[in-house]
Amino acid sequence: MTNTIPQAFAAAVRKDSAAPLLTWYDDATGDRTELSGATLDNWVSKTANLLVDGVGLGHGDTVALVLPPHWQTAALLLGVSVAGLAADLGEEPQPVEAVFTTPGLVERAAAWSGLDRYATGLLPLAMPLRTLPDGYADYVTEVRNYGDFFRGAPVGPADLALGGPYELCHSDVIENAVERAAQLGITAGDRVLIDTALHPEPADWLLAPLVAGASVVLCANLDRSKLEARSTAEKVTVTLA
């Protein structure tokens, strides 16, 4: 039975590690990034190792993710979960152990107190930032220094998954994601195209498809004139746009 976020992610990777699990489009920049289950798993493991071995975090610690929907946000949220940490999704400032954000949200992220701070430009090809905000390390540069496999302690269903105003354990997050997948009409094997402007919450664009056994085509700044052709090219079966 799947009752934690890491279990749901591991099941998705095992299903077909070479198949696209998350495909990212940004129609403002022309960026398209396709991540198979194996590739996303690599980013997730590196992120978990960065958090545990690099930052020195452990079970019970909280990481703020002051970030928009993006494939790197997915890697961070899943990495936080795999490491046994709680994710603060950046809605209400809280004391946290680490903060991840992007330059355009640095002023907002300043409201979260945390000694370790990382920024990512969310750039095509996961390029590093040319200029870092003061007091921040570059996530995509730092994370590449860590191992491709994470061998930390297993996460339990009663462990805290979401911190901040939510305070939800893993089993609650999974239960909510299952319910949300049903509401959105997402089922196993679906290829779901999601407009981030309409569905900005990770519960919709990441967790619901994940627990349902679906893959995601995540679209930012969606150009609706491209919607039909993209849906055909990506073999989309459910459109949330």
Protein backbone atom coordinates (compact mmCIF):
# COMPACT_ATOMS: atom_id res chain seq x y z
CA MET A 1 0.00 0.00 0.00
CA THR A 2 1.21 3.51 -0.84
CA ASN A 3 0.91 5.75 2.20
CA THR A 4 3.90 8.10 1.90
CA ILE A 5 5.07 10.49 -0.81
CA PRO A 6 8.37 8.57 -1.31
CA GLN A 7 6.42 5.33 -1.77
CA ALA A 8 4.16 6.95 -4.37
CA PHE A 9 7.17 8.33 -6.22
CA ALA A 10 9.06 5.02 -6.08
CA ALA A 11 6.02 3.23 -7.50
CA ALA A 12 5.85 5.72 -10.38
CA VAL A 13 9.54 5.19 -11.20
CA ARG A 14 9.27 1.39 -10.99
CA LYS A 15 6.33 1.36 -13.40
CA ASP A 16 8.57 2.40 -16.31
CA SER A 17 11.71 4.27 -15.35
CA ALA A 18 12.49 5.22 -18.97
CA ALA A 19 9.07 6.68 -19.78
CA PRO A 20 8.39 10.42 -19.45
CA LEU A 21 7.09 11.14 -15.96
CA LEU A 22 7.16 14.95 -16.00
CA THR A 23 7.46 17.11 -19.11
CA TRP A 24 7.87 20.86 -18.62
CA TYR A 25 6.92 23.62 -21.05
CA ASP A 26 7.32 27.36 -20.63
CA ASP A 27 5.80 29.12 -23.60
CA ALA A 28 7.32 32.45 -22.52
CA THR A 29 10.88 31.12 -22.93
CA GLY A 30 10.37 28.22 -25.34
CA ASP A 31 11.78 25.81 -22.76
CA ARG A 32 10.84 22.14 -22.96
CA THR A 33 12.37 19.69 -20.50
CA GLU A 34 11.37 16.04 -20.40
CA LEU A 35 12.22 13.97 -17.35
CA SER A 36 11.85 10.21 -17.27
CA GLY A 37 11.19 8.53 -13.96
CA ALA A 38 14.88 7.64 -13.74
CA THR A 39 16.03 11.20 -14.47
CA LEU A 40 13.65 12.76 -11.96
CA ASP A 41 14.68 10.12 -9.41
CA ASN A 42 18.29 11.18 -9.95
CA TRP A 43 17.45 14.83 -9.18
CA VAL A 44 15.36 13.81 -6.17
CA SER A 45 18.15 11.66 -4.72
CA LYS A 46 20.75 14.37 -5.25
CA THR A 47 18.43 16.87 -3.56
CA ALA A 48 17.87 14.58 -0.58
CA ASN A 49 21.63 14.07 -0.23
CA LEU A 50 22.21 17.83 -0.43
CA LEU A 51 19.69 18.40 2.36
CA VAL A 52 21.00 15.66 4.64
CA ASP A 53 24.74 15.54 3.90
CA GLY A 54 25.24 19.12 2.77
CA VAL A 55 22.90 21.14 4.95
CA GLY A 56 22.85 18.64 7.80
CA LEU A 57 19.07 18.32 8.17
CA GLY A 58 17.24 15.41 9.76
CA HIS A 59 13.78 14.04 10.52
CA GLY A 60 11.51 16.75 11.87
CA ASP A 61 13.26 19.66 10.15
CA THR A 62 11.33 21.89 7.75
CA VAL A 63 12.36 23.31 4.37
CA ALA A 64 10.57 26.29 2.79
CA LEU A 65 9.95 26.08 -0.95
CA VAL A 66 9.07 29.60 -2.08
CA LEU A 67 8.84 28.61 -5.73
CA PRO A 68 6.35 28.50 -8.60
CA PRO A 69 5.31 25.27 -10.33
CA HIS A 70 8.34 23.90 -12.20
CA TRP A 71 10.11 20.60 -12.68
CA GLN A 72 12.83 21.74 -10.26
CA THR A 73 10.14 22.52 -7.69
CA ALA A 74 8.95 18.94 -8.13
CA ALA A 75 12.49 17.62 -7.59
CA LEU A 76 12.82 19.74 -4.45
CA LEU A 77 9.46 18.78 -2.97
CA LEU A 78 10.07 15.11 -3.62
CA GLY A 79 13.66 15.40 -2.36
CA VAL A 80 12.47 17.00 0.87
CA SER A 81 9.97 14.16 1.33
CA VAL A 82 12.45 11.39 0.53
CA ALA A 83 14.88 12.89 3.07
CA GLY A 84 12.21 12.63 5.78
CA LEU A 85 11.79 16.38 6.08
CA ALA A 86 8.68 18.55 5.99
CA ALA A 87 8.00 20.97 3.13
CA ASP A 88 6.69 24.46 3.82
CA LEU A 89 5.07 25.49 0.54
CA GLY A 90 5.66 29.18 1.04
CA GLU A 91 2.23 30.50 2.01
CA GLU A 92 2.76 31.84 5.53
CA PRO A 93 6.21 32.72 6.95
CA GLN A 94 7.38 30.22 9.55
CA PRO A 95 10.73 29.36 11.18
CA VAL A 96 12.45 26.78 8.95
CA GLU A 97 15.88 25.19 8.67
CA ALA A 98 16.44 25.99 4.96
CA VAL A 99 14.87 28.09 2.22
CA PHE A 100 14.76 27.52 -1.53
CA THR A 101 13.52 30.22 -3.88
CA THR A 102 14.12 31.98 -7.20
CA PRO A 103 15.43 35.53 -7.72
CA GLY A 104 12.02 36.97 -8.51
CA LEU A 105 10.69 35.76 -5.16
CA VAL A 106 13.68 36.64 -2.95
CA GLU A 107 11.86 39.48 -1.23
CA ARG A 108 8.99 37.17 -0.37
CA ALA A 109 11.36 34.41 0.73
CA ALA A 110 13.08 36.81 3.14
CA ALA A 111 10.07 36.44 5.45
CA TRP A 112 11.11 32.83 6.17
CA SER A 113 13.94 32.68 8.67
CA GLY A 114 16.52 30.05 7.80
CA LEU A 115 20.30 29.89 7.93
CA ASP A 116 20.75 27.92 4.71
CA ARG A 117 19.36 29.62 1.62
CA TYR A 118 19.42 28.44 -1.99
CA ALA A 119 18.25 30.09 -5.21
CA THR A 120 17.58 28.66 -8.65
CA GLY A 121 16.90 30.57 -11.83
CA LEU A 122 14.56 27.82 -13.12
CA LEU A 123 16.47 28.23 -16.38
CA PRO A 124 16.42 26.04 -19.49
CA LEU A 125 18.85 23.10 -19.35
CA ALA A 126 19.10 23.67 -15.57
CA MET A 127 21.66 26.39 -16.15
CA PRO A 128 23.14 28.08 -13.07
CA LEU A 129 22.45 31.70 -12.23
CA ARG A 130 24.95 34.24 -13.52
CA THR A 131 24.31 36.49 -10.52
CA LEU A 132 23.24 35.08 -7.17
CA PRO A 133 21.17 37.04 -4.67
CA ASP A 134 23.20 38.02 -1.62
CA GLY A 135 23.32 35.27 0.98
CA TYR A 136 22.21 32.50 -1.39
CA ALA A 137 23.94 29.46 -2.89
CA ASP A 138 22.98 28.19 -6.35
CA TYR A 139 20.82 25.06 -6.03
CA VAL A 140 21.56 23.60 -9.46
CA THR A 141 25.31 24.07 -9.01
CA GLU A 142 25.43 22.65 -5.49
CA VAL A 143 23.08 19.71 -6.02
CA ARG A 144 25.23 18.25 -8.80
CA ASN A 145 27.97 17.57 -6.23
CA TYR A 146 25.87 14.95 -4.44
CA GLY A 147 25.25 11.25 -5.01
CA ASP A 148 22.72 9.77 -7.40
CA PHE A 149 21.26 7.45 -4.74
CA PHE A 150 19.84 8.28 -1.32
CA ARG A 151 20.15 5.71 1.43
CA GLY A 152 18.49 7.49 4.33
CA ALA A 153 16.02 6.04 6.81
CA PRO A 154 12.57 5.13 5.46
CA VAL A 155 9.77 7.65 5.85
CA GLY A 156 6.69 6.58 7.82
CA PRO A 157 3.04 7.45 7.17
CA ALA A 158 2.83 9.38 10.45
CA ASP A 159 5.91 11.49 9.68
CA LEU A 160 5.26 15.16 8.93
CA ALA A 161 5.12 15.80 5.18
CA LEU A 162 3.88 19.39 4.99
CA GLY A 163 4.82 22.00 7.56
CA GLY A 164 3.80 25.62 7.81
CA PRO A 165 0.04 26.19 8.12
CA TYR A 166 -0.78 22.66 6.88
CA GLU A 167 0.91 20.34 9.40
CA LEU A 168 -0.06 17.21 7.48
CA CYS A 169 1.53 13.79 7.84
CA HIS A 170 2.31 11.62 4.83
CA SER A 171 -0.79 9.45 5.08
CA ASP A 172 -3.00 12.55 5.13
CA VAL A 173 -1.23 14.04 2.10
CA ILE A 174 -1.66 10.78 0.18
CA GLU A 175 -5.33 10.54 1.14
CA ASN A 176 -5.93 14.12 0.01
CA ALA A 177 -4.06 13.51 -3.24
CA VAL A 178 -6.16 10.43 -4.00
CA GLU A 179 -9.33 12.45 -3.44
CA ARG A 180 -8.03 15.30 -5.58
CA ALA A 181 -7.11 12.94 -8.42
CA ALA A 182 -10.67 11.62 -8.41
CA GLN A 183 -12.07 15.17 -8.49
CA LEU A 184 -9.83 16.08 -11.44
CA GLY A 185 -10.59 12.88 -13.32
CA ILE A 186 -7.02 11.55 -13.26
CA THR A 187 -6.57 7.78 -13.40
CA ALA A 188 -3.72 5.31 -13.79
CA GLY A 189 -1.88 5.58 -17.10
CA ASP A 190 -3.21 9.04 -17.93
CA ARG A 191 -1.01 11.68 -19.53
CA VAL A 192 -2.22 14.90 -17.91
CA LEU A 193 -1.63 18.35 -19.39
CA ILE A 194 -1.80 20.98 -16.64
CA ASP A 195 -1.89 24.77 -16.94
CA THR A 196 0.09 26.10 -13.97
CA ALA A 197 -1.93 29.33 -13.97
CA LEU A 198 -5.12 27.37 -13.25
CA HIS A 199 -3.55 24.73 -11.00
CA PRO A 200 -0.64 26.34 -9.10
CA GLU A 201 -0.82 24.02 -6.07
CA PRO A 202 1.49 20.96 -5.93
CA ALA A 203 -1.50 18.92 -4.77
CA ASP A 204 -2.91 19.34 -8.30
CA TRP A 205 0.11 19.48 -10.60
CA LEU A 206 2.31 16.90 -8.86
CA LEU A 207 0.84 14.86 -6.04
CA ALA A 208 -2.58 13.97 -7.48
CA PRO A 209 -1.13 12.64 -10.77
CA LEU A 210 1.67 10.90 -8.87
CA VAL A 211 -0.59 8.89 -6.57
CA ALA A 212 -2.96 8.10 -9.44
CA GLY A 213 -0.14 6.60 -11.51
CA ALA A 214 -0.29 9.29 -14.22
CA SER A 215 2.40 11.33 -15.97
CA VAL A 216 2.36 15.12 -16.31
CA VAL A 217 2.81 17.69 -19.06
CA LEU A 218 3.24 20.86 -16.99
CA CYS A 219 2.75 24.12 -18.89
CA ALA A 220 3.65 27.61 -17.72
CA ASN A 221 2.57 30.74 -19.62
CA LEU A 222 0.46 28.45 -21.75
CA ASP A 223 -0.04 29.58 -25.35
CA ARG A 224 -3.51 28.23 -26.07
CA SER A 225 -2.88 28.31 -29.80
CA LYS A 226 -0.42 25.46 -29.20
CA LEU A 227 -2.71 23.42 -26.97
CA GLU A 228 -4.22 21.08 -29.57
CA ALA A 229 -0.93 20.27 -31.28
CA ARG A 230 0.85 19.79 -27.96
CA SER A 231 -1.88 17.51 -26.66
CA THR A 232 -1.54 15.36 -29.77
CA ALA A 233 2.27 15.29 -29.69
CA GLU A 234 2.38 14.44 -25.99
CA LYS A 235 -0.47 11.88 -26.23
CA VAL A 236 -2.45 13.75 -23.58
CA THR A 237 -5.52 11.98 -22.21
CA VAL A 238 -6.64 14.52 -19.59
CA THR A 239 -6.44 18.30 -20.03
CA LEU A 240 -6.57 20.66 -17.03
CA ALA A 241 -6.31 23.94 -18.89
